[in-house]
Amino acid sequence: MADFAEKTALLDTATKDIFDWSNDATPLRDAMWDKVMESNSHNTDATSEQAAKWEDMNDSDLKAAAEKLLK
């Protein structure tokens, strides 16, 4: 089983290093967090619930979810 650092490596990568359409150096986790917070009136509990799901996604699912959310 992959350790936590390997499992969350994509979340800790700069958004610009994942997507060719981005020039944002913010880690993917933070970019997604900020976008969800903006869309739910800054409800930290709801955002935390959503963010917990990201850590269980494989890289391809996470990438697809992030692109849908951020693009």
PDB file of N, CA and C in Angstrom:
ATOM      1  N   MET A   1       0.836  -1.184   0.000  1.00  0.00           N
ATOM      2  CA  MET A   1       0.000   0.000   0.000  1.00  0.00           C
ATOM      3  C   MET A   1       0.881   1.248   0.000  1.00  0.00           C
ATOM      4  N   ALA A   2       0.497   2.214  -0.802  1.00  0.00           N
ATOM      5  CA  ALA A   2       1.275   3.445  -0.912  1.00  0.00           C
ATOM      6  C   ALA A   2       1.185   4.241   0.384  1.00  0.00           C
ATOM      7  N   ASP A   3       2.296   4.876   0.748  1.00  0.00           N
ATOM      8  CA  ASP A   3       2.231   5.691   1.949  1.00  0.00           C
ATOM      9  C   ASP A   3       1.485   6.996   1.652  1.00  0.00           C
ATOM     10  N   PHE A   4       1.167   7.734   2.707  1.00  0.00           N
ATOM     11  CA  PHE A   4       0.338   8.926   2.566  1.00  0.00           C
ATOM     12  C   PHE A   4       0.956   9.952   1.628  1.00  0.00           C
ATOM     13  N   ALA A   5       2.275  10.166   1.699  1.00  0.00           N
ATOM     14  CA  ALA A   5       2.944  11.154   0.844  1.00  0.00           C
ATOM     15  C   ALA A   5       2.806  10.791  -0.623  1.00  0.00           C
ATOM     16  N   GLU A   6       2.936   9.518  -0.939  1.00  0.00           N
ATOM     17  CA  GLU A   6       2.762   9.089  -2.328  1.00  0.00           C
ATOM     18  C   GLU A   6       1.306   9.251  -2.757  1.00  0.00           C
ATOM     19  N   LYS A   7       0.410   8.901  -1.876  1.00  0.00           N
ATOM     20  CA  LYS A   7      -1.021   8.937  -2.181  1.00  0.00           C
ATOM     21  C   LYS A   7      -1.499  10.360  -2.453  1.00  0.00           C
ATOM     22  N   THR A   8      -0.915  11.339  -1.780  1.00  0.00           N
ATOM     23  CA  THR A   8      -1.357  12.726  -1.928  1.00  0.00           C
ATOM     24  C   THR A   8      -0.399  13.579  -2.756  1.00  0.00           C
ATOM     25  N   ALA A   9       0.543  12.972  -3.419  1.00  0.00           N
ATOM     26  CA  ALA A   9       1.556  13.726  -4.162  1.00  0.00           C
ATOM     27  C   ALA A   9       0.933  14.677  -5.187  1.00  0.00           C
ATOM     28  N   LEU A  10      -0.072  14.227  -5.907  1.00  0.00           N
ATOM     29  CA  LEU A  10      -0.694  15.094  -6.908  1.00  0.00           C
ATOM     30  C   LEU A  10      -1.346  16.301  -6.249  1.00  0.00           C
ATOM     31  N   LEU A  11      -1.949  16.114  -5.098  1.00  0.00           N
ATOM     32  CA  LEU A  11      -2.578  17.233  -4.386  1.00  0.00           C
ATOM     33  C   LEU A  11      -1.556  18.283  -3.964  1.00  0.00           C
ATOM     34  N   ASP A  12      -0.327  17.867  -3.758  1.00  0.00           N
ATOM     35  CA  ASP A  12       0.723  18.774  -3.299  1.00  0.00           C
ATOM     36  C   ASP A  12       1.526  19.384  -4.449  1.00  0.00           C
ATOM     37  N   THR A  13       1.165  19.049  -5.673  1.00  0.00           N
ATOM     38  CA  THR A  13       1.857  19.548  -6.863  1.00  0.00           C
ATOM     39  C   THR A  13       1.254  20.874  -7.309  1.00  0.00           C
ATOM     40  N   ALA A  14       2.091  21.778  -7.779  1.00  0.00           N
ATOM     41  CA  ALA A  14       1.603  23.067  -8.280  1.00  0.00           C
ATOM     42  C   ALA A  14       0.634  22.830  -9.439  1.00  0.00           C
ATOM     43  N   THR A  15      -0.448  23.570  -9.422  1.00  0.00           N
ATOM     44  CA  THR A  15      -1.482  23.416 -10.448  1.00  0.00           C
ATOM     45  C   THR A  15      -0.896  23.575 -11.850  1.00  0.00           C
ATOM     46  N   LYS A  16       0.028  24.510 -12.023  1.00  0.00           N
ATOM     47  CA  LYS A  16       0.630  24.744 -13.339  1.00  0.00           C
ATOM     48  C   LYS A  16       1.459  23.550 -13.814  1.00  0.00           C
ATOM     49  N   ASP A  17       1.922  22.717 -12.896  1.00  0.00           N
ATOM     50  CA  ASP A  17       2.708  21.541 -13.270  1.00  0.00           C
ATOM     51  C   ASP A  17       1.823  20.351 -13.641  1.00  0.00           C
ATOM     52  N   ILE A  18       0.531  20.488 -13.428  1.00  0.00           N
ATOM     53  CA  ILE A  18      -0.418  19.423 -13.748  1.00  0.00           C
ATOM     54  C   ILE A  18      -1.175  19.734 -15.028  1.00  0.00           C
ATOM     55  N   PHE A  19      -1.603  20.978 -15.160  1.00  0.00           N
ATOM     56  CA  PHE A  19      -2.441  21.385 -16.290  1.00  0.00           C
ATOM     57  C   PHE A  19      -1.723  22.414 -17.157  1.00  0.00           C
ATOM     58  N   ASP A  20      -1.733  22.179 -18.465  1.00  0.00           N
ATOM     59  CA  ASP A  20      -1.079  23.126 -19.374  1.00  0.00           C
ATOM     60  C   ASP A  20      -1.854  24.437 -19.493  1.00  0.00           C
ATOM     61  N   TRP A  21      -3.113  24.461 -19.078  1.00  0.00           N
ATOM     62  CA  TRP A  21      -3.926  25.669 -19.154  1.00  0.00           C
ATOM     63  C   TRP A  21      -3.766  26.570 -17.921  1.00  0.00           C
ATOM     64  N   SER A  22      -2.994  26.135 -16.943  1.00  0.00           N
ATOM     65  CA  SER A  22      -2.837  26.914 -15.715  1.00  0.00           C
ATOM     66  C   SER A  22      -1.431  27.488 -15.603  1.00  0.00           C
ATOM     67  N   ASN A  23      -1.350  28.681 -15.031  1.00  0.00           N
ATOM     68  CA  ASN A  23      -0.044  29.267 -14.706  1.00  0.00           C
ATOM     69  C   ASN A  23       0.042  29.547 -13.205  1.00  0.00           C
ATOM     70  N   ASP A  24      -0.815  28.866 -12.440  1.00  0.00           N
ATOM     71  CA  ASP A  24      -0.926  29.041 -10.994  1.00  0.00           C
ATOM     72  C   ASP A  24       0.042  28.106 -10.265  1.00  0.00           C
ATOM     73  N   ALA A  25       0.892  28.682  -9.423  1.00  0.00           N
ATOM     74  CA  ALA A  25       1.863  27.893  -8.670  1.00  0.00           C
ATOM     75  C   ALA A  25       1.280  27.328  -7.369  1.00  0.00           C
ATOM     76  N   THR A  26       0.019  27.608  -7.118  1.00  0.00           N
ATOM     77  CA  THR A  26      -0.650  27.104  -5.919  1.00  0.00           C
ATOM     78  C   THR A  26      -0.759  25.583  -5.986  1.00  0.00           C
ATOM     79  N   PRO A  27      -0.470  24.889  -4.889  1.00  0.00           N
ATOM     80  CA  PRO A  27      -0.677  23.434  -4.873  1.00  0.00           C
ATOM     81  C   PRO A  27      -2.134  23.108  -5.213  1.00  0.00           C
ATOM     82  N   LEU A  28      -2.341  22.013  -5.907  1.00  0.00           N
ATOM     83  CA  LEU A  28      -3.671  21.634  -6.356  1.00  0.00           C
ATOM     84  C   LEU A  28      -4.658  21.588  -5.194  1.00  0.00           C
ATOM     85  N   ARG A  29      -4.259  21.022  -4.075  1.00  0.00           N
ATOM     86  CA  ARG A  29      -5.132  20.926  -2.900  1.00  0.00           C
ATOM     87  C   ARG A  29      -5.649  22.315  -2.496  1.00  0.00           C
ATOM     88  N   ASP A  30      -4.766  23.305  -2.450  1.00  0.00           N
ATOM     89  CA  ASP A  30      -5.154  24.653  -2.041  1.00  0.00           C
ATOM     90  C   ASP A  30      -6.034  25.325  -3.086  1.00  0.00           C
ATOM     91  N   ALA A  31      -5.728  25.126  -4.354  1.00  0.00           N
ATOM     92  CA  ALA A  31      -6.534  25.714  -5.417  1.00  0.00           C
ATOM     93  C   ALA A  31      -7.958  25.152  -5.378  1.00  0.00           C
ATOM     94  N   MET A  32      -8.066  23.844  -5.187  1.00  0.00           N
ATOM     95  CA  MET A  32      -9.388  23.222  -5.108  1.00  0.00           C
ATOM     96  C   MET A  32     -10.116  23.682  -3.850  1.00  0.00           C
ATOM     97  N   TRP A  33      -9.419  23.733  -2.735  1.00  0.00           N
ATOM     98  CA  TRP A  33     -10.011  24.183  -1.469  1.00  0.00           C
ATOM     99  C   TRP A  33     -10.579  25.595  -1.633  1.00  0.00           C
ATOM    100  N   ASP A  34      -9.776  26.491  -2.196  1.00  0.00           N
ATOM    101  CA  ASP A  34     -10.212  27.878  -2.372  1.00  0.00           C
ATOM    102  C   ASP A  34     -11.449  27.962  -3.254  1.00  0.00           C
ATOM    103  N   LYS A  35     -11.473  27.196  -4.315  1.00  0.00           N
ATOM    104  CA  LYS A  35     -12.611  27.222  -5.242  1.00  0.00           C
ATOM    105  C   LYS A  35     -13.880  26.709  -4.558  1.00  0.00           C
ATOM    106  N   VAL A  36     -13.767  25.632  -3.801  1.00  0.00           N
ATOM    107  CA  VAL A  36     -14.930  25.095  -3.097  1.00  0.00           C
ATOM    108  C   VAL A  36     -15.399  26.088  -2.032  1.00  0.00           C
ATOM    109  N   MET A  37     -14.475  26.698  -1.301  1.00  0.00           N
ATOM    110  CA  MET A  37     -14.850  27.675  -0.286  1.00  0.00           C
ATOM    111  C   MET A  37     -15.610  28.848  -0.908  1.00  0.00           C
ATOM    112  N   GLU A  38     -15.156  29.306  -2.063  1.00  0.00           N
ATOM    113  CA  GLU A  38     -15.829  30.407  -2.746  1.00  0.00           C
ATOM    114  C   GLU A  38     -17.249  30.025  -3.151  1.00  0.00           C
ATOM    115  N   SER A  39     -17.440  28.780  -3.535  1.00  0.00           N
ATOM    116  CA  SER A  39     -18.739  28.362  -4.054  1.00  0.00           C
ATOM    117  C   SER A  39     -19.746  27.991  -2.963  1.00  0.00           C
ATOM    118  N   ASN A  40     -19.286  27.825  -1.736  1.00  0.00           N
ATOM    119  CA  ASN A  40     -20.228  27.412  -0.685  1.00  0.00           C
ATOM    120  C   ASN A  40     -20.293  28.402   0.483  1.00  0.00           C
ATOM    121  N   SER A  41     -20.078  29.665   0.175  1.00  0.00           N
ATOM    122  CA  SER A  41     -20.170  30.739   1.179  1.00  0.00           C
ATOM    123  C   SER A  41     -19.212  30.525   2.354  1.00  0.00           C
ATOM    124  N   HIS A  42     -18.043  29.990   2.043  1.00  0.00           N
ATOM    125  CA  HIS A  42     -16.968  29.800   3.024  1.00  0.00           C
ATOM    126  C   HIS A  42     -17.367  28.890   4.180  1.00  0.00           C
ATOM    127  N   ASN A  43     -18.068  27.819   3.852  1.00  0.00           N
ATOM    128  CA  ASN A  43     -18.475  26.816   4.836  1.00  0.00           C
ATOM    129  C   ASN A  43     -17.332  25.807   4.993  1.00  0.00           C
ATOM    130  N   THR A  44     -16.556  25.977   6.041  1.00  0.00           N
ATOM    131  CA  THR A  44     -15.381  25.140   6.260  1.00  0.00           C
ATOM    132  C   THR A  44     -15.737  23.668   6.449  1.00  0.00           C
ATOM    133  N   ASP A  45     -16.805  23.385   7.154  1.00  0.00           N
ATOM    134  CA  ASP A  45     -17.198  21.993   7.375  1.00  0.00           C
ATOM    135  C   ASP A  45     -17.533  21.293   6.063  1.00  0.00           C
ATOM    136  N   ALA A  46     -18.309  21.952   5.219  1.00  0.00           N
ATOM    137  CA  ALA A  46     -18.671  21.366   3.927  1.00  0.00           C
ATOM    138  C   ALA A  46     -17.446  21.204   3.041  1.00  0.00           C
ATOM    139  N   THR A  47     -16.549  22.177   3.082  1.00  0.00           N
ATOM    140  CA  THR A  47     -15.335  22.098   2.271  1.00  0.00           C
ATOM    141  C   THR A  47     -14.438  20.970   2.762  1.00  0.00           C
ATOM    142  N   SER A  48     -14.306  20.816   4.065  1.00  0.00           N
ATOM    143  CA  SER A  48     -13.496  19.730   4.623  1.00  0.00           C
ATOM    144  C   SER A  48     -14.044  18.371   4.210  1.00  0.00           C
ATOM    145  N   GLU A  49     -15.346  18.255   4.201  1.00  0.00           N
ATOM    146  CA  GLU A  49     -15.992  17.011   3.790  1.00  0.00           C
ATOM    147  C   GLU A  49     -15.664  16.689   2.328  1.00  0.00           C
ATOM    148  N   GLN A  50     -15.721  17.703   1.494  1.00  0.00           N
ATOM    149  CA  GLN A  50     -15.390  17.523   0.070  1.00  0.00           C
ATOM    150  C   GLN A  50     -13.908  17.184  -0.096  1.00  0.00           C
ATOM    151  N   ALA A  51     -13.047  17.900   0.610  1.00  0.00           N
ATOM    152  CA  ALA A  51     -11.606  17.711   0.475  1.00  0.00           C
ATOM    153  C   ALA A  51     -11.167  16.319   0.922  1.00  0.00           C
ATOM    154  N   ALA A  52     -11.834  15.752   1.896  1.00  0.00           N
ATOM    155  CA  ALA A  52     -11.482  14.411   2.366  1.00  0.00           C
ATOM    156  C   ALA A  52     -11.606  13.386   1.242  1.00  0.00           C
ATOM    157  N   LYS A  53     -12.532  13.597   0.345  1.00  0.00           N
ATOM    158  CA  LYS A  53     -12.732  12.685  -0.785  1.00  0.00           C
ATOM    159  C   LYS A  53     -11.557  12.723  -1.755  1.00  0.00           C
ATOM    160  N   TRP A  54     -10.911  13.878  -1.871  1.00  0.00           N
ATOM    161  CA  TRP A  54      -9.805  14.014  -2.812  1.00  0.00           C
ATOM    162  C   TRP A  54      -8.651  13.080  -2.469  1.00  0.00           C
ATOM    163  N   GLU A  55      -8.410  12.869  -1.198  1.00  0.00           N
ATOM    164  CA  GLU A  55      -7.292  12.028  -0.773  1.00  0.00           C
ATOM    165  C   GLU A  55      -7.514  10.553  -1.088  1.00  0.00           C
ATOM    166  N   ASP A  56      -8.755  10.165  -1.295  1.00  0.00           N
ATOM    167  CA  ASP A  56      -9.059   8.778  -1.631  1.00  0.00           C
ATOM    168  C   ASP A  56      -9.144   8.521  -3.132  1.00  0.00           C
ATOM    169  N   MET A  57      -9.067   9.574  -3.934  1.00  0.00           N
ATOM    170  CA  MET A  57      -9.163   9.419  -5.389  1.00  0.00           C
ATOM    171  C   MET A  57      -7.825   8.995  -5.978  1.00  0.00           C
ATOM    172  N   ASN A  58      -7.889   8.191  -7.045  1.00  0.00           N
ATOM    173  CA  ASN A  58      -6.656   7.915  -7.769  1.00  0.00           C
ATOM    174  C   ASN A  58      -6.313   9.157  -8.591  1.00  0.00           C
ATOM    175  N   ASP A  59      -5.096   9.208  -9.101  1.00  0.00           N
ATOM    176  CA  ASP A  59      -4.628  10.412  -9.788  1.00  0.00           C
ATOM    177  C   ASP A  59      -5.503  10.803 -10.968  1.00  0.00           C
ATOM    178  N   SER A  60      -5.942   9.847 -11.762  1.00  0.00           N
ATOM    179  CA  SER A  60      -6.735  10.208 -12.940  1.00  0.00           C
ATOM    180  C   SER A  60      -8.100  10.764 -12.541  1.00  0.00           C
ATOM    181  N   ASP A  61      -8.727  10.198 -11.522  1.00  0.00           N
ATOM    182  CA  ASP A  61     -10.016  10.720 -11.054  1.00  0.00           C
ATOM    183  C   ASP A  61      -9.846  12.096 -10.414  1.00  0.00           C
ATOM    184  N   LEU A  62      -8.782  12.262  -9.647  1.00  0.00           N
ATOM    185  CA  LEU A  62      -8.510  13.536  -9.010  1.00  0.00           C
ATOM    186  C   LEU A  62      -8.267  14.621 -10.057  1.00  0.00           C
ATOM    187  N   LYS A  63      -7.481  14.279 -11.054  1.00  0.00           N
ATOM    188  CA  LYS A  63      -7.171  15.232 -12.112  1.00  0.00           C
ATOM    189  C   LYS A  63      -8.448  15.662 -12.842  1.00  0.00           C
ATOM    190  N   ALA A  64      -9.315  14.710 -13.129  1.00  0.00           N
ATOM    191  CA  ALA A  64     -10.575  15.011 -13.805  1.00  0.00           C
ATOM    192  C   ALA A  64     -11.464  15.896 -12.919  1.00  0.00           C
ATOM    193  N   ALA A  65     -11.543  15.584 -11.630  1.00  0.00           N
ATOM    194  CA  ALA A  65     -12.359  16.377 -10.711  1.00  0.00           C
ATOM    195  C   ALA A  65     -11.790  17.794 -10.582  1.00  0.00           C
ATOM    196  N   ALA A  66     -10.486  17.904 -10.511  1.00  0.00           N
ATOM    197  CA  ALA A  66      -9.845  19.210 -10.384  1.00  0.00           C
ATOM    198  C   ALA A  66     -10.067  20.043 -11.637  1.00  0.00           C
ATOM    199  N   GLU A  67      -9.929  19.429 -12.791  1.00  0.00           N
ATOM    200  CA  GLU A  67     -10.121  20.168 -14.036  1.00  0.00           C
ATOM    201  C   GLU A  67     -11.556  20.675 -14.135  1.00  0.00           C
ATOM    202  N   LYS A  68     -12.510  19.841 -13.776  1.00  0.00           N
ATOM    203  CA  LYS A  68     -13.913  20.235 -13.805  1.00  0.00           C
ATOM    204  C   LYS A  68     -14.162  21.405 -12.842  1.00  0.00           C
ATOM    205  N   LEU A  69     -13.551  21.347 -11.691  1.00  0.00           N
ATOM    206  CA  LEU A  69     -13.744  22.368 -10.668  1.00  0.00           C
ATOM    207  C   LEU A  69     -13.033  23.675 -11.021  1.00  0.00           C
ATOM    208  N   LEU A  70     -11.826  23.598 -11.537  1.00  0.00           N
ATOM    209  CA  LEU A  70     -10.976  24.764 -11.697  1.00  0.00           C
ATOM    210  C   LEU A  70     -11.027  25.429 -13.075  1.00  0.00           C
ATOM    211  N   LYS A  71     -11.369  24.692 -14.082  1.00  0.00           N
ATOM    212  CA  LYS A  71     -11.303  25.251 -15.436  1.00  0.00           C
ATOM    213  C   LYS A  71     -12.541  26.005 -15.790  1.00  0.00           C
TER     214      LYS A  71
END
